[in-house]
C-alpha atoms as a PDB file:
ATOM      1  CA  UNK A   1     -38.359  47.835   4.783  1.00  0.00           C
ATOM      2  CA  UNK A   2     -35.590  47.489   7.131  1.00  0.00           C
ATOM      3  CA  UNK A   3     -36.787  44.290   8.909  1.00  0.00           C
ATOM      4  CA  UNK A   4     -37.249  43.175   5.437  1.00  0.00           C
ATOM      5  CA  UNK A   5     -34.132  43.784   4.238  1.00  0.00           C
ATOM      6  CA  UNK A   6     -33.168  41.525   7.733  1.00  0.00           C
ATOM      7  CA  UNK A   7     -35.693  38.488   6.469  1.00  0.00           C
ATOM      8  CA  UNK A   8     -34.771  38.198   2.745  1.00  0.00           C
ATOM      9  CA  UNK A   9     -31.003  38.159   3.885  1.00  0.00           C
ATOM     10  CA  UNK A  10     -31.727  35.338   6.511  1.00  0.00           C
ATOM     11  CA  UNK A  11     -33.337  33.669   3.969  1.00  0.00           C
ATOM     12  CA  UNK A  12     -30.214  33.692   2.039  1.00  0.00           C
ATOM     13  CA  UNK A  13     -28.325  32.362   4.249  1.00  0.00           C
ATOM     14  CA  UNK A  14     -30.282  29.638   4.995  1.00  0.00           C
ATOM     15  CA  UNK A  15     -30.424  29.180   1.512  1.00  0.00           C
ATOM     16  CA  UNK A  16     -27.036  29.364   1.009  1.00  0.00           C
ATOM     17  CA  UNK A  17     -25.856  26.421   3.937  1.00  0.00           C
ATOM     18  CA  UNK A  18     -28.002  24.170   2.846  1.00  0.00           C
ATOM     19  CA  UNK A  19     -26.927  24.072  -0.911  1.00  0.00           C
ATOM     20  CA  UNK A  20     -22.584  24.104   0.850  1.00  0.00           C
ATOM     21  CA  UNK A  21     -21.228  20.874   0.249  1.00  0.00           C
ATOM     22  CA  UNK A  22     -19.181  19.405   2.970  1.00  0.00           C
ATOM     23  CA  UNK A  23     -16.697  17.710   1.793  1.00  0.00           C
ATOM     24  CA  UNK A  24     -14.693  16.238   4.291  1.00  0.00           C
ATOM     25  CA  UNK A  25     -18.097  13.917   5.860  1.00  0.00           C
ATOM     26  CA  UNK A  26     -17.162  10.886   5.835  1.00  0.00           C
ATOM     27  CA  UNK A  27     -14.060  11.707   4.490  1.00  0.00           C
ATOM     28  CA  UNK A  28     -11.728   8.855   5.695  1.00  0.00           C
ATOM     29  CA  UNK A  29      -8.826   9.256   3.203  1.00  0.00           C
ATOM     30  CA  UNK A  30      -7.384  12.177   1.352  1.00  0.00           C
ATOM     31  CA  UNK A  31      -3.922  12.913  -0.605  1.00  0.00           C
ATOM     32  CA  UNK A  32      -3.341  16.567  -1.142  1.00  0.00           C
ATOM     33  CA  UNK A  33       0.231  15.466  -2.588  1.00  0.00           C
ATOM     34  CA  UNK A  34       0.913  19.579  -2.395  1.00  0.00           C
ATOM     35  CA  UNK A  35       4.833  20.054  -1.059  1.00  0.00           C
ATOM     36  CA  UNK A  36       4.258  22.598   2.366  1.00  0.00           C
ATOM     37  CA  UNK A  37       1.961  19.579   4.397  1.00  0.00           C
ATOM     38  CA  UNK A  38      -1.239  20.807   5.796  1.00  0.00           C
ATOM     39  CA  UNK A  39      -3.499  19.647   8.749  1.00  0.00           C
ATOM     40  CA  UNK A  40      -6.790  18.756   7.761  1.00  0.00           C
ATOM     41  CA  UNK A  41      -7.330  16.199  10.505  1.00  0.00           C
ATOM     42  CA  UNK A  42      -6.881  12.483  10.614  1.00  0.00           C
ATOM     43  CA  UNK A  43      -8.218  11.593   6.999  1.00  0.00           C
ATOM     44  CA  UNK A  44      -5.025  13.621   5.513  1.00  0.00           C
ATOM     45  CA  UNK A  45      -2.467  11.112   4.419  1.00  0.00           C
ATOM     46  CA  UNK A  46       0.102  11.612   1.622  1.00  0.00           C
ATOM     47  CA  UNK A  47       0.907   7.906   1.310  1.00  0.00           C
ATOM     48  CA  UNK A  48       4.358   6.842   1.127  1.00  0.00           C
ATOM     49  CA  UNK A  49       6.332   7.540  -2.268  1.00  0.00           C
ATOM     50  CA  UNK A  50       8.292   4.557  -3.531  1.00  0.00           C
ATOM     51  CA  UNK A  51      11.131   3.887  -6.097  1.00  0.00           C
ATOM     52  CA  UNK A  52      10.964   7.826  -7.216  1.00  0.00           C
ATOM     53  CA  UNK A  53       7.432   8.719  -7.295  1.00  0.00           C
ATOM     54  CA  UNK A  54       8.078  12.974  -6.537  1.00  0.00           C
ATOM     55  CA  UNK A  55       5.810  15.951  -6.506  1.00  0.00           C
ATOM     56  CA  UNK A  56       5.485  17.700  -9.989  1.00  0.00           C
ATOM     57  CA  UNK A  57       4.375  21.464 -10.167  1.00  0.00           C
ATOM     58  CA  UNK A  58       1.988  20.328 -13.029  1.00  0.00           C
ATOM     59  CA  UNK A  59      -1.519  19.729 -11.171  1.00  0.00           C
ATOM     60  CA  UNK A  60      -5.097  21.098 -11.446  1.00  0.00           C
ATOM     61  CA  UNK A  61      -5.557  21.464  -7.699  1.00  0.00           C
ATOM     62  CA  UNK A  62      -3.736  23.156  -5.066  1.00  0.00           C
ATOM     63  CA  UNK A  63       0.132  23.592  -6.654  1.00  0.00           C
ATOM     64  CA  UNK A  64       1.472  20.158  -6.860  1.00  0.00           C
ATOM     65  CA  UNK A  65       0.524  16.952  -7.746  1.00  0.00           C
ATOM     66  CA  UNK A  66       2.502  13.390  -7.854  1.00  0.00           C
ATOM     67  CA  UNK A  67       3.869  12.106 -10.227  1.00  0.00           C
ATOM     68  CA  UNK A  68       5.089   8.057 -11.222  1.00  0.00           C
ATOM     69  CA  UNK A  69       7.617   7.404 -14.003  1.00  0.00           C
ATOM     70  CA  UNK A  70       6.259   4.196 -14.955  1.00  0.00           C
ATOM     71  CA  UNK A  71       8.764   2.204 -14.360  1.00  0.00           C
ATOM     72  CA  UNK A  72       8.961   1.677 -10.888  1.00  0.00           C
ATOM     73  CA  UNK A  73       7.348   4.222  -8.848  1.00  0.00           C
ATOM     74  CA  UNK A  74       3.919   4.094  -6.591  1.00  0.00           C
ATOM     75  CA  UNK A  75       2.323   5.661  -3.714  1.00  0.00           C
ATOM     76  CA  UNK A  76       1.770   3.299  -0.861  1.00  0.00           C
ATOM     77  CA  UNK A  77      -1.392   3.388   2.150  1.00  0.00           C
ATOM     78  CA  UNK A  78      -1.165   1.466   5.056  1.00  0.00           C
ATOM     79  CA  UNK A  79      -4.033  -0.933   6.312  1.00  0.00           C
ATOM     80  CA  UNK A  80      -5.118   1.436   8.548  1.00  0.00           C
ATOM     81  CA  UNK A  81      -5.580   4.291   6.070  1.00  0.00           C
ATOM     82  CA  UNK A  82      -8.223   2.372   3.591  1.00  0.00           C
ATOM     83  CA  UNK A  83     -11.669   1.837   3.872  1.00  0.00           C
ATOM     84  CA  UNK A  84     -14.171  -0.169   1.735  1.00  0.00           C
ATOM     85  CA  UNK A  85     -17.773  -1.129   3.537  1.00  0.00           C
ATOM     86  CA  UNK A  86     -21.061  -1.356   1.846  1.00  0.00           C
ATOM     87  CA  UNK A  87     -21.584   2.354  -0.370  1.00  0.00           C
ATOM     88  CA  UNK A  88     -17.776   3.972  -0.963  1.00  0.00           C
ATOM     89  CA  UNK A  89     -16.752   6.732  -3.411  1.00  0.00           C
ATOM     90  CA  UNK A  90     -13.289   7.397  -4.324  1.00  0.00           C
ATOM     91  CA  UNK A  91     -12.344  10.440  -6.735  1.00  0.00           C
ATOM     92  CA  UNK A  92      -8.933  11.756  -7.626  1.00  0.00           C
ATOM     93  CA  UNK A  93      -7.262  13.620 -10.809  1.00  0.00           C
ATOM     94  CA  UNK A  94      -5.532  11.955 -13.524  1.00  0.00           C
ATOM     95  CA  UNK A  95      -3.136  12.729 -16.809  1.00  0.00           C
ATOM     96  CA  UNK A  96      -2.144   9.704 -18.229  1.00  0.00           C
ATOM     97  CA  UNK A  97       1.004  10.180 -19.888  1.00  0.00           C
ATOM     98  CA  UNK A  98       0.539   6.747 -21.614  1.00  0.00           C
ATOM     99  CA  UNK A  99      -2.494   4.820 -21.257  1.00  0.00           C
ATOM    100  CA  UNK A 100      -0.896   1.216 -20.993  1.00  0.00           C
ATOM    101  CA  UNK A 101      -3.193  -1.633 -21.181  1.00  0.00           C
ATOM    102  CA  UNK A 102      -3.547  -3.088 -17.341  1.00  0.00           C
ATOM    103  CA  UNK A 103      -1.972   0.012 -15.846  1.00  0.00           C
ATOM    104  CA  UNK A 104      -3.728   0.827 -11.818  1.00  0.00           C
ATOM    105  CA  UNK A 105      -5.008   3.734 -10.920  1.00  0.00           C
ATOM    106  CA  UNK A 106      -4.988   2.084  -7.944  1.00  0.00           C
ATOM    107  CA  UNK A 107      -5.260  -0.954  -6.138  1.00  0.00           C
ATOM    108  CA  UNK A 108      -6.434  -1.579  -3.097  1.00  0.00           C
ATOM    109  CA  UNK A 109      -5.653  -5.923  -2.377  1.00  0.00           C
ATOM    110  CA  UNK A 110      -4.239  -8.851  -0.557  1.00  0.00           C
ATOM    111  CA  UNK A 111      -1.158 -10.107   0.079  1.00  0.00           C
ATOM    112  CA  UNK A 112      -2.227 -12.562  -2.551  1.00  0.00           C
ATOM    113  CA  UNK A 113      -4.053 -11.861  -5.490  1.00  0.00           C
ATOM    114  CA  UNK A 114      -7.473 -13.441  -5.377  1.00  0.00           C
ATOM    115  CA  UNK A 115      -7.496 -13.621  -1.501  1.00  0.00           C
ATOM    116  CA  UNK A 116     -10.781 -11.591  -1.452  1.00  0.00           C
ATOM    117  CA  UNK A 117     -11.975  -7.633  -0.448  1.00  0.00           C
ATOM    118  CA  UNK A 118     -10.258  -6.001  -3.217  1.00  0.00           C
ATOM    119  CA  UNK A 119     -11.004  -2.870  -5.800  1.00  0.00           C
ATOM    120  CA  UNK A 120      -9.411  -1.972  -8.629  1.00  0.00           C
ATOM    121  CA  UNK A 121      -9.668   0.672 -11.358  1.00  0.00           C
ATOM    122  CA  UNK A 122      -7.211   0.371 -14.334  1.00  0.00           C
ATOM    123  CA  UNK A 123      -6.944   1.006 -18.123  1.00  0.00           C
ATOM    124  CA  UNK A 124      -7.919  -2.299 -19.779  1.00  0.00           C
ATOM    125  CA  UNK A 125      -8.941  -3.392 -23.760  1.00  0.00           C
ATOM    126  CA  UNK A 126     -10.580  -0.723 -25.348  1.00  0.00           C
ATOM    127  CA  UNK A 127     -13.863  -1.717 -26.491  1.00  0.00           C
ATOM    128  CA  UNK A 128     -13.767   1.502 -29.237  1.00  0.00           C
ATOM    129  CA  UNK A 129     -11.770   4.078 -30.415  1.00  0.00           C
ATOM    130  CA  UNK A 130      -7.876   4.139 -30.017  1.00  0.00           C
ATOM    131  CA  UNK A 131      -7.958   4.839 -26.285  1.00  0.00           C
ATOM    132  CA  UNK A 132      -8.315   1.882 -23.272  1.00  0.00           C
ATOM    133  CA  UNK A 133     -11.413   2.264 -21.298  1.00  0.00           C
ATOM    134  CA  UNK A 134     -11.475   2.762 -17.688  1.00  0.00           C
ATOM    135  CA  UNK A 135     -12.351  -0.833 -15.900  1.00  0.00           C
ATOM    136  CA  UNK A 136     -13.053  -1.387 -12.447  1.00  0.00           C
ATOM    137  CA  UNK A 137     -12.620  -5.078 -10.600  1.00  0.00           C
ATOM    138  CA  UNK A 138     -13.568  -6.365  -7.302  1.00  0.00           C
ATOM    139  CA  UNK A 139     -12.844  -9.312  -5.038  1.00  0.00           C
ATOM    140  CA  UNK A 140     -15.026 -10.721  -2.290  1.00  0.00           C
ATOM    141  CA  UNK A 141     -15.311 -12.927   0.336  1.00  0.00           C
ATOM    142  CA  UNK A 142     -18.225 -15.431   0.558  1.00  0.00           C
ATOM    143  CA  UNK A 143     -17.799 -17.235   3.642  1.00  0.00           C
ATOM    144  CA  UNK A 144     -14.928 -18.631   3.233  1.00  0.00           C
ATOM    145  CA  UNK A 145     -13.997 -18.557  -0.010  1.00  0.00           C
ATOM    146  CA  UNK A 146     -12.673 -15.824  -1.842  1.00  0.00           C
ATOM    147  CA  UNK A 147     -14.713 -14.684  -4.305  1.00  0.00           C
ATOM    148  CA  UNK A 148     -13.884 -12.687  -8.166  1.00  0.00           C
ATOM    149  CA  UNK A 149     -16.060 -10.822 -10.302  1.00  0.00           C
ATOM    150  CA  UNK A 150     -16.540 -11.997 -13.923  1.00  0.00           C
ATOM    151  CA  UNK A 151     -13.900 -10.679 -15.839  1.00  0.00           C
ATOM    152  CA  UNK A 152     -14.956 -11.831 -19.319  1.00  0.00           C
ATOM    153  CA  UNK A 153     -11.748  -9.552 -21.652  1.00  0.00           C
ATOM    154  CA  UNK A 154     -12.917 -11.245 -24.601  1.00  0.00           C
ATOM    155  CA  UNK A 155     -15.979 -10.041 -24.586  1.00  0.00           C
ATOM    156  CA  UNK A 156     -16.846  -6.848 -26.066  1.00  0.00           C
ATOM    157  CA  UNK A 157     -17.538  -4.611 -24.382  1.00  0.00           C
ATOM    158  CA  UNK A 158     -15.582  -6.537 -21.381  1.00  0.00           C
ATOM    159  CA  UNK A 159     -17.851  -7.065 -18.207  1.00  0.00           C
ATOM    160  CA  UNK A 160     -14.931  -5.357 -16.491  1.00  0.00           C
ATOM    161  CA  UNK A 161     -15.234  -1.496 -19.005  1.00  0.00           C
ATOM    162  CA  UNK A 162     -16.921   1.032 -17.575  1.00  0.00           C
ATOM    163  CA  UNK A 163     -17.165   2.335 -21.052  1.00  0.00           C
ATOM    164  CA  UNK A 164     -15.257   5.409 -21.308  1.00  0.00           C
ATOM    165  CA  UNK A 165     -12.000   5.664 -23.642  1.00  0.00           C
ATOM    166  CA  UNK A 166      -8.872   7.049 -21.843  1.00  0.00           C
ATOM    167  CA  UNK A 167      -7.554  10.652 -22.715  1.00  0.00           C
ATOM    168  CA  UNK A 168      -4.007  10.452 -22.686  1.00  0.00           C
ATOM    169  CA  UNK A 169      -1.917  14.056 -22.132  1.00  0.00           C
ATOM    170  CA  UNK A 170      -5.120  16.532 -20.055  1.00  0.00           C
ATOM    171  CA  UNK A 171      -6.020  16.254 -17.284  1.00  0.00           C
ATOM    172  CA  UNK A 172      -9.390  14.354 -16.241  1.00  0.00           C
ATOM    173  CA  UNK A 173     -11.627  14.264 -12.473  1.00  0.00           C
ATOM    174  CA  UNK A 174     -12.702  10.183 -12.353  1.00  0.00           C
ATOM    175  CA  UNK A 175     -14.821   9.857  -9.216  1.00  0.00           C
ATOM    176  CA  UNK A 176     -16.610   6.076  -8.837  1.00  0.00           C
ATOM    177  CA  UNK A 177     -19.550   5.557  -6.500  1.00  0.00           C
ATOM    178  CA  UNK A 178     -20.378   2.124  -5.095  1.00  0.00           C
ATOM    179  CA  UNK A 179     -24.138   2.094  -3.925  1.00  0.00           C
ATOM    180  CA  UNK A 180     -25.171  -1.485  -2.287  1.00  0.00           C
ATOM    181  CA  UNK A 181     -28.859  -0.681  -2.166  1.00  0.00           C
ATOM    182  CA  UNK A 182     -29.171  -0.329  -6.404  1.00  0.00           C
ATOM    183  CA  UNK A 183     -31.020  -3.035  -8.273  1.00  0.00           C
ATOM    184  CA  UNK A 184     -28.920  -5.327  -9.675  1.00  0.00           C
ATOM    185  CA  UNK A 185     -30.337  -7.698 -12.353  1.00  0.00           C
ATOM    186  CA  UNK A 186     -27.376  -9.857 -12.212  1.00  0.00           C
ATOM    187  CA  UNK A 187     -28.689 -13.132 -10.402  1.00  0.00           C
ATOM    188  CA  UNK A 188     -27.066 -17.034 -10.118  1.00  0.00           C
ATOM    189  CA  UNK A 189     -23.689 -16.354 -12.969  1.00  0.00           C
ATOM    190  CA  UNK A 190     -20.714 -18.129 -12.481  1.00  0.00           C
ATOM    191  CA  UNK A 191     -17.051 -16.442 -13.013  1.00  0.00           C
ATOM    192  CA  UNK A 192     -14.124 -18.720 -15.230  1.00  0.00           C
ATOM    193  CA  UNK A 193     -13.408 -20.595 -11.560  1.00  0.00           C
ATOM    194  CA  UNK A 194     -17.359 -22.182 -11.542  1.00  0.00           C
ATOM    195  CA  UNK A 195     -18.127 -19.674  -8.528  1.00  0.00           C
ATOM    196  CA  UNK A 196     -21.993 -18.076  -7.922  1.00  0.00           C
ATOM    197  CA  UNK A 197     -20.918 -14.404  -7.961  1.00  0.00           C
ATOM    198  CA  UNK A 198     -23.008 -12.365  -5.079  1.00  0.00           C
ATOM    199  CA  UNK A 199     -23.754  -9.561  -7.093  1.00  0.00           C
ATOM    200  CA  UNK A 200     -25.120  -6.505  -5.385  1.00  0.00           C
ATOM    201  CA  UNK A 201     -25.238  -2.956  -5.953  1.00  0.00           C
ATOM    202  CA  UNK A 202     -24.203  -0.702  -8.852  1.00  0.00           C
ATOM    203  CA  UNK A 203     -20.843   1.268  -9.668  1.00  0.00           C
ATOM    204  CA  UNK A 204     -21.306   4.519 -11.005  1.00  0.00           C
ATOM    205  CA  UNK A 205     -18.551   6.683 -12.699  1.00  0.00           C
ATOM    206  CA  UNK A 206     -18.444  10.540 -13.184  1.00  0.00           C
ATOM    207  CA  UNK A 207     -15.634  11.990 -15.470  1.00  0.00           C
ATOM    208  CA  UNK A 208     -15.186  15.695 -15.385  1.00  0.00           C
ATOM    209  CA  UNK A 209     -18.278  16.080 -13.190  1.00  0.00           C
ATOM    210  CA  UNK A 210     -20.489  14.540 -15.488  1.00  0.00           C
ATOM    211  CA  UNK A 211     -21.941  10.729 -15.424  1.00  0.00           C
ATOM    212  CA  UNK A 212     -19.642   8.668 -18.005  1.00  0.00           C
ATOM    213  CA  UNK A 213     -20.407   4.708 -17.106  1.00  0.00           C
ATOM    214  CA  UNK A 214     -21.749   2.566 -14.647  1.00  0.00           C
ATOM    215  CA  UNK A 215     -21.662  -1.549 -14.112  1.00  0.00           C
ATOM    216  CA  UNK A 216     -23.424  -3.676 -12.553  1.00  0.00           C
ATOM    217  CA  UNK A 217     -21.125  -6.363 -12.243  1.00  0.00           C
ATOM    218  CA  UNK A 218     -19.928  -5.445  -8.866  1.00  0.00           C
ATOM    219  CA  UNK A 219     -20.204  -6.924  -4.961  1.00  0.00           C
ATOM    220  CA  UNK A 220     -20.485  -5.674  -1.870  1.00  0.00           C
ATOM    221  CA  UNK A 221     -17.226  -5.036  -0.522  1.00  0.00           C
ATOM    222  CA  UNK A 222     -16.767  -6.911   3.245  1.00  0.00           C
ATOM    223  CA  UNK A 223     -15.476  -4.644   6.561  1.00  0.00           C
ATOM    224  CA  UNK A 224     -11.639  -6.431   6.020  1.00  0.00           C
ATOM    225  CA  UNK A 225      -8.710  -4.476   5.403  1.00  0.00           C
ATOM    226  CA  UNK A 226      -6.966  -4.378   2.367  1.00  0.00           C
ATOM    227  CA  UNK A 227      -3.277  -4.697   3.026  1.00  0.00           C
ATOM    228  CA  UNK A 228      -1.637  -3.697  -0.441  1.00  0.00           C
ATOM    229  CA  UNK A 229      -2.998  -0.728  -1.206  1.00  0.00           C
ATOM    230  CA  UNK A 230      -1.510   0.913  -3.638  1.00  0.00           C
ATOM    231  CA  UNK A 231      -1.795   4.284  -6.384  1.00  0.00           C
ATOM    232  CA  UNK A 232       0.423   3.824 -10.070  1.00  0.00           C
ATOM    233  CA  UNK A 233       0.981  -0.583  -9.500  1.00  0.00           C
ATOM    234  CA  UNK A 234      -0.585  -3.958  -9.950  1.00  0.00           C
ATOM    235  CA  UNK A 235      -0.385  -6.770  -8.148  1.00  0.00           C
ATOM    236  CA  UNK A 236       0.191  -8.680 -10.409  1.00  0.00           C
ATOM    237  CA  UNK A 237       3.554  -8.675 -10.894  1.00  0.00           C
ATOM    238  CA  UNK A 238       3.079  -8.566 -14.755  1.00  0.00           C
ATOM    239  CA  UNK A 239       0.949  -5.663 -14.733  1.00  0.00           C
ATOM    240  CA  UNK A 240       2.823  -2.177 -16.034  1.00  0.00           C
ATOM    241  CA  UNK A 241       3.160   0.683 -13.556  1.00  0.00           C
ATOM    242  CA  UNK A 242       1.230   3.841 -14.113  1.00  0.00           C
ATOM    243  CA  UNK A 243       2.275   6.529 -16.187  1.00  0.00           C
ATOM    244  CA  UNK A 244       1.595  10.159 -15.449  1.00  0.00           C
ATOM    245  CA  UNK A 245       0.626  12.664 -12.793  1.00  0.00           C
ATOM    246  CA  UNK A 246      -2.359  12.384 -10.245  1.00  0.00           C
ATOM    247  CA  UNK A 247      -4.033  14.578  -7.257  1.00  0.00           C
ATOM    248  CA  UNK A 248      -6.493  15.083  -4.786  1.00  0.00           C
ATOM    249  CA  UNK A 249      -6.561  11.933  -3.844  1.00  0.00           C
ATOM    250  CA  UNK A 250     -10.081  11.181  -1.655  1.00  0.00           C
ATOM    251  CA  UNK A 251     -11.547   8.025  -0.419  1.00  0.00           C
ATOM    252  CA  UNK A 252     -15.206   8.521   1.508  1.00  0.00           C
ATOM    253  CA  UNK A 253     -17.526   5.757   3.831  1.00  0.00           C
ATOM    254  CA  UNK A 254     -20.598   7.309   1.979  1.00  0.00           C
ATOM    255  CA  UNK A 255     -21.830   7.637  -1.806  1.00  0.00           C
ATOM    256  CA  UNK A 256     -21.219  11.155  -2.885  1.00  0.00           C
ATOM    257  CA  UNK A 257     -24.269  13.443  -4.746  1.00  0.00           C
ATOM    258  CA  UNK A 258     -24.436  14.849  -7.971  1.00  0.00           C
ATOM    259  CA  UNK A 259     -23.635  17.677  -6.385  1.00  0.00           C
ATOM    260  CA  UNK A 260     -20.959  17.039  -4.576  1.00  0.00           C
ATOM    261  CA  UNK A 261     -19.325  15.180  -7.283  1.00  0.00           C
ATOM    262  CA  UNK A 262     -19.085  18.696  -9.491  1.00  0.00           C
ATOM    263  CA  UNK A 263     -17.855  20.664  -6.166  1.00  0.00           C
ATOM    264  CA  UNK A 264     -15.101  18.326  -6.268  1.00  0.00           C
ATOM    265  CA  UNK A 265     -14.820  18.489 -10.092  1.00  0.00           C
ATOM    266  CA  UNK A 266     -14.554  22.194  -9.827  1.00  0.00           C
ATOM    267  CA  UNK A 267     -11.954  22.260  -7.027  1.00  0.00           C
ATOM    268  CA  UNK A 268      -9.726  21.818 -10.230  1.00  0.00           C
ATOM    269  CA  UNK A 269     -11.843  22.935 -13.240  1.00  0.00           C
ATOM    270  CA  UNK A 270     -11.197  26.767 -12.646  1.00  0.00           C
END
């Protein structure tokens, strides 16, 4: 009987280990925005707070978050801290105080917009309801030319729209997952500049642990550095700044699984 219990306990331990999630696997950047700095390894970096970005007690994970005032405040990351090449995932908790059209959650870009290799997630024009949609945009380099995604802001929904209407005044967990090997039906499409857009892969949006949108208007980024790496600020000077709170920001160099995304959401949903 005692031997049977040992076997049963061993089996349960093996099952638990197989079901556990290593949320550090493939993590290349992690900002927890805690007041007390912790040593999480080489990927942990809270960014450089610019123009009044400040720590706030309003947070879903841990004990604090970063607040951006919508005027001048943003968070900056150095070139070596950011990774986008083939598969990637980005996870962040966001609480919009105001959803301003074209205000960025994040913008990883070049010195000048349109130089190639850029990834942006931001508030765009609504396709339905009162709130702005979440929009996703990319640039890549094809040969020596910077190629911009097709963005027709007048179509309904716009090509950049992920089909999710932003909620203000509440904490929501966003994850975008880019899978380079996913089937993409968009072939030989031409953007406004007359460039052939090399569509590849699929991007999926998760909100609070659940799939909430997707797009195949995406391209495979190259292993080229982005040098303007910001939370809350756009590379375009005319775009408004983000107003609200952000917490637990992560970039992975792989596709997160549904279970891993749920585990990340569970960190702040209790």
